[in-house]
């Protein structure tokens, strides 16, 4: 877990410094590691994986790739909200509103 946490932090730090290519690489690697870990421990790590996918989607400059990452995060949050609605329904709704705003802005 230390490597995935370090990659996650590195991605955030690089992004804040405007080093987007390094941020993208770190976040992509963290997502791949979390996908493997979450397959073994979904109850513990699915929320973290969804959060990483959102960050990756934000980091990607290519609209389709960013949308794919965010769509995968939506799927994960739907699963989380179905299992624990009191905890995750609000997060899912906020995510869906954000995605809707992204689509609206793209159409302007």
C-alpha atoms as a PDB file:
ATOM      1  CA  UNK A   1       0.000   0.000   0.000  1.00  0.00           C
ATOM      2  CA  UNK A   2       2.878   2.397   0.583  1.00  0.00           C
ATOM      3  CA  UNK A   3       3.780   2.455  -3.116  1.00  0.00           C
ATOM      4  CA  UNK A   4       0.220   3.189  -4.197  1.00  0.00           C
ATOM      5  CA  UNK A   5      -0.145   5.930  -1.582  1.00  0.00           C
ATOM      6  CA  UNK A   6       3.162   7.450  -2.637  1.00  0.00           C
ATOM      7  CA  UNK A   7       2.185   7.397  -6.308  1.00  0.00           C
ATOM      8  CA  UNK A   8      -1.140   8.994  -5.482  1.00  0.00           C
ATOM      9  CA  UNK A   9       0.551  11.795  -3.541  1.00  0.00           C
ATOM     10  CA  UNK A  10       3.175  12.248  -6.259  1.00  0.00           C
ATOM     11  CA  UNK A  11       0.429  12.631  -8.848  1.00  0.00           C
ATOM     12  CA  UNK A  12      -1.311  15.322  -6.811  1.00  0.00           C
ATOM     13  CA  UNK A  13       1.940  17.170  -6.090  1.00  0.00           C
ATOM     14  CA  UNK A  14       3.095  17.092  -9.717  1.00  0.00           C
ATOM     15  CA  UNK A  15      -0.292  18.315 -10.881  1.00  0.00           C
ATOM     16  CA  UNK A  16      -0.202  21.235  -8.456  1.00  0.00           C
ATOM     17  CA  UNK A  17       3.234  22.157  -9.779  1.00  0.00           C
ATOM     18  CA  UNK A  18       2.011  22.069 -13.375  1.00  0.00           C
ATOM     19  CA  UNK A  19       4.038  18.951 -14.179  1.00  0.00           C
ATOM     20  CA  UNK A  20       1.102  17.245 -15.846  1.00  0.00           C
ATOM     21  CA  UNK A  21       2.932  14.505 -17.728  1.00  0.00           C
ATOM     22  CA  UNK A  22       4.593  13.285 -14.519  1.00  0.00           C
ATOM     23  CA  UNK A  23       1.273  13.574 -12.690  1.00  0.00           C
ATOM     24  CA  UNK A  24      -0.454  11.549 -15.378  1.00  0.00           C
ATOM     25  CA  UNK A  25       2.204   8.822 -15.223  1.00  0.00           C
ATOM     26  CA  UNK A  26       2.048   8.582 -11.424  1.00  0.00           C
ATOM     27  CA  UNK A  27      -1.752   8.545 -11.334  1.00  0.00           C
ATOM     28  CA  UNK A  28      -1.964   5.969 -14.119  1.00  0.00           C
ATOM     29  CA  UNK A  29       0.442   3.668 -12.296  1.00  0.00           C
ATOM     30  CA  UNK A  30      -1.452   4.119  -9.038  1.00  0.00           C
ATOM     31  CA  UNK A  31      -4.751   3.261 -10.761  1.00  0.00           C
ATOM     32  CA  UNK A  32      -3.291   0.053 -12.186  1.00  0.00           C
ATOM     33  CA  UNK A  33      -1.974  -0.998  -8.782  1.00  0.00           C
ATOM     34  CA  UNK A  34      -5.252  -0.132  -7.052  1.00  0.00           C
ATOM     35  CA  UNK A  35      -7.229  -2.105  -9.640  1.00  0.00           C
ATOM     36  CA  UNK A  36      -5.214  -5.185  -8.728  1.00  0.00           C
ATOM     37  CA  UNK A  37      -5.529  -4.555  -4.999  1.00  0.00           C
ATOM     38  CA  UNK A  38      -9.250  -3.727  -5.167  1.00  0.00           C
ATOM     39  CA  UNK A  39      -9.946  -6.994  -6.959  1.00  0.00           C
ATOM     40  CA  UNK A  40      -8.758  -8.808  -3.819  1.00  0.00           C
ATOM     41  CA  UNK A  41     -10.249  -6.372  -1.272  1.00  0.00           C
ATOM     42  CA  UNK A  42     -13.139  -4.520  -2.938  1.00  0.00           C
ATOM     43  CA  UNK A  43     -14.903  -3.531   0.284  1.00  0.00           C
ATOM     44  CA  UNK A  44     -11.788  -1.746   1.493  1.00  0.00           C
ATOM     45  CA  UNK A  45     -10.322  -0.257  -1.681  1.00  0.00           C
ATOM     46  CA  UNK A  46     -13.113   0.443  -4.176  1.00  0.00           C
ATOM     47  CA  UNK A  47     -13.674   3.970  -2.875  1.00  0.00           C
ATOM     48  CA  UNK A  48      -9.955   4.767  -3.160  1.00  0.00           C
ATOM     49  CA  UNK A  49      -9.873   3.372  -6.688  1.00  0.00           C
ATOM     50  CA  UNK A  50     -12.872   5.505  -7.674  1.00  0.00           C
ATOM     51  CA  UNK A  51     -11.184   8.572  -6.240  1.00  0.00           C
ATOM     52  CA  UNK A  52      -7.990   7.814  -8.159  1.00  0.00           C
ATOM     53  CA  UNK A  53      -9.951   7.394 -11.382  1.00  0.00           C
ATOM     54  CA  UNK A  54     -11.547  10.801 -10.857  1.00  0.00           C
ATOM     55  CA  UNK A  55      -8.128  12.371 -10.388  1.00  0.00           C
ATOM     56  CA  UNK A  56      -6.829  10.607 -13.464  1.00  0.00           C
ATOM     57  CA  UNK A  57      -9.831  11.789 -15.457  1.00  0.00           C
ATOM     58  CA  UNK A  58      -9.164  15.359 -14.371  1.00  0.00           C
ATOM     59  CA  UNK A  59      -5.488  15.062 -15.298  1.00  0.00           C
ATOM     60  CA  UNK A  60      -6.075  13.710 -18.791  1.00  0.00           C
ATOM     61  CA  UNK A  61      -6.107  16.413 -21.423  1.00  0.00           C
ATOM     62  CA  UNK A  62      -7.827  14.184 -23.981  1.00  0.00           C
ATOM     63  CA  UNK A  63     -11.568  14.486 -23.441  1.00  0.00           C
ATOM     64  CA  UNK A  64     -12.455  10.885 -24.325  1.00  0.00           C
ATOM     65  CA  UNK A  65      -9.790   9.370 -22.065  1.00  0.00           C
ATOM     66  CA  UNK A  66     -10.793  11.607 -19.173  1.00  0.00           C
ATOM     67  CA  UNK A  67     -14.437  10.731 -19.705  1.00  0.00           C
ATOM     68  CA  UNK A  68     -13.606   7.019 -19.714  1.00  0.00           C
ATOM     69  CA  UNK A  69     -11.801   7.304 -16.374  1.00  0.00           C
ATOM     70  CA  UNK A  70     -14.645   9.320 -14.836  1.00  0.00           C
ATOM     71  CA  UNK A  71     -17.227   6.876 -16.226  1.00  0.00           C
ATOM     72  CA  UNK A  72     -15.398   4.004 -14.566  1.00  0.00           C
ATOM     73  CA  UNK A  73     -15.458   5.971 -11.299  1.00  0.00           C
ATOM     74  CA  UNK A  74     -19.238   6.421 -11.687  1.00  0.00           C
ATOM     75  CA  UNK A  75     -19.667   2.665 -12.066  1.00  0.00           C
ATOM     76  CA  UNK A  76     -17.686   2.084  -8.887  1.00  0.00           C
ATOM     77  CA  UNK A  77     -19.653   4.716  -6.964  1.00  0.00           C
ATOM     78  CA  UNK A  78     -22.923   3.162  -8.171  1.00  0.00           C
ATOM     79  CA  UNK A  79     -21.802  -0.153  -6.698  1.00  0.00           C
ATOM     80  CA  UNK A  80     -20.769   1.537  -3.459  1.00  0.00           C
ATOM     81  CA  UNK A  81     -24.077   3.435  -3.256  1.00  0.00           C
ATOM     82  CA  UNK A  82     -26.059   0.256  -3.884  1.00  0.00           C
ATOM     83  CA  UNK A  83     -24.255  -1.493  -1.028  1.00  0.00           C
ATOM     84  CA  UNK A  84     -24.203   1.470   1.380  1.00  0.00           C
ATOM     85  CA  UNK A  85     -26.647   4.148   0.197  1.00  0.00           C
ATOM     86  CA  UNK A  86     -26.471   6.272   3.341  1.00  0.00           C
ATOM     87  CA  UNK A  87     -22.732   6.670   2.875  1.00  0.00           C
ATOM     88  CA  UNK A  88     -22.267   6.934  -0.894  1.00  0.00           C
ATOM     89  CA  UNK A  89     -25.456   8.227  -2.533  1.00  0.00           C
ATOM     90  CA  UNK A  90     -24.493  11.862  -1.997  1.00  0.00           C
ATOM     91  CA  UNK A  91     -21.015  11.264  -3.454  1.00  0.00           C
ATOM     92  CA  UNK A  92     -22.550   9.575  -6.487  1.00  0.00           C
ATOM     93  CA  UNK A  93     -25.011  12.424  -6.992  1.00  0.00           C
ATOM     94  CA  UNK A  94     -22.225  15.024  -6.776  1.00  0.00           C
ATOM     95  CA  UNK A  95     -20.138  13.096  -9.269  1.00  0.00           C
ATOM     96  CA  UNK A  96     -23.032  12.807 -11.704  1.00  0.00           C
ATOM     97  CA  UNK A  97     -23.767  16.527 -11.387  1.00  0.00           C
ATOM     98  CA  UNK A  98     -20.127  17.303 -12.124  1.00  0.00           C
ATOM     99  CA  UNK A  99     -20.130  15.083 -15.177  1.00  0.00           C
ATOM    100  CA  UNK A 100     -23.323  16.708 -16.380  1.00  0.00           C
ATOM    101  CA  UNK A 101     -21.746  20.143 -15.993  1.00  0.00           C
ATOM    102  CA  UNK A 102     -18.712  18.972 -17.983  1.00  0.00           C
ATOM    103  CA  UNK A 103     -20.967  17.890 -20.850  1.00  0.00           C
ATOM    104  CA  UNK A 104     -22.913  21.139 -20.768  1.00  0.00           C
ATOM    105  CA  UNK A 105     -19.756  23.210 -20.843  1.00  0.00           C
ATOM    106  CA  UNK A 106     -18.413  21.197 -23.767  1.00  0.00           C
ATOM    107  CA  UNK A 107     -21.522  22.036 -25.777  1.00  0.00           C
ATOM    108  CA  UNK A 108     -21.173  25.812 -25.339  1.00  0.00           C
END
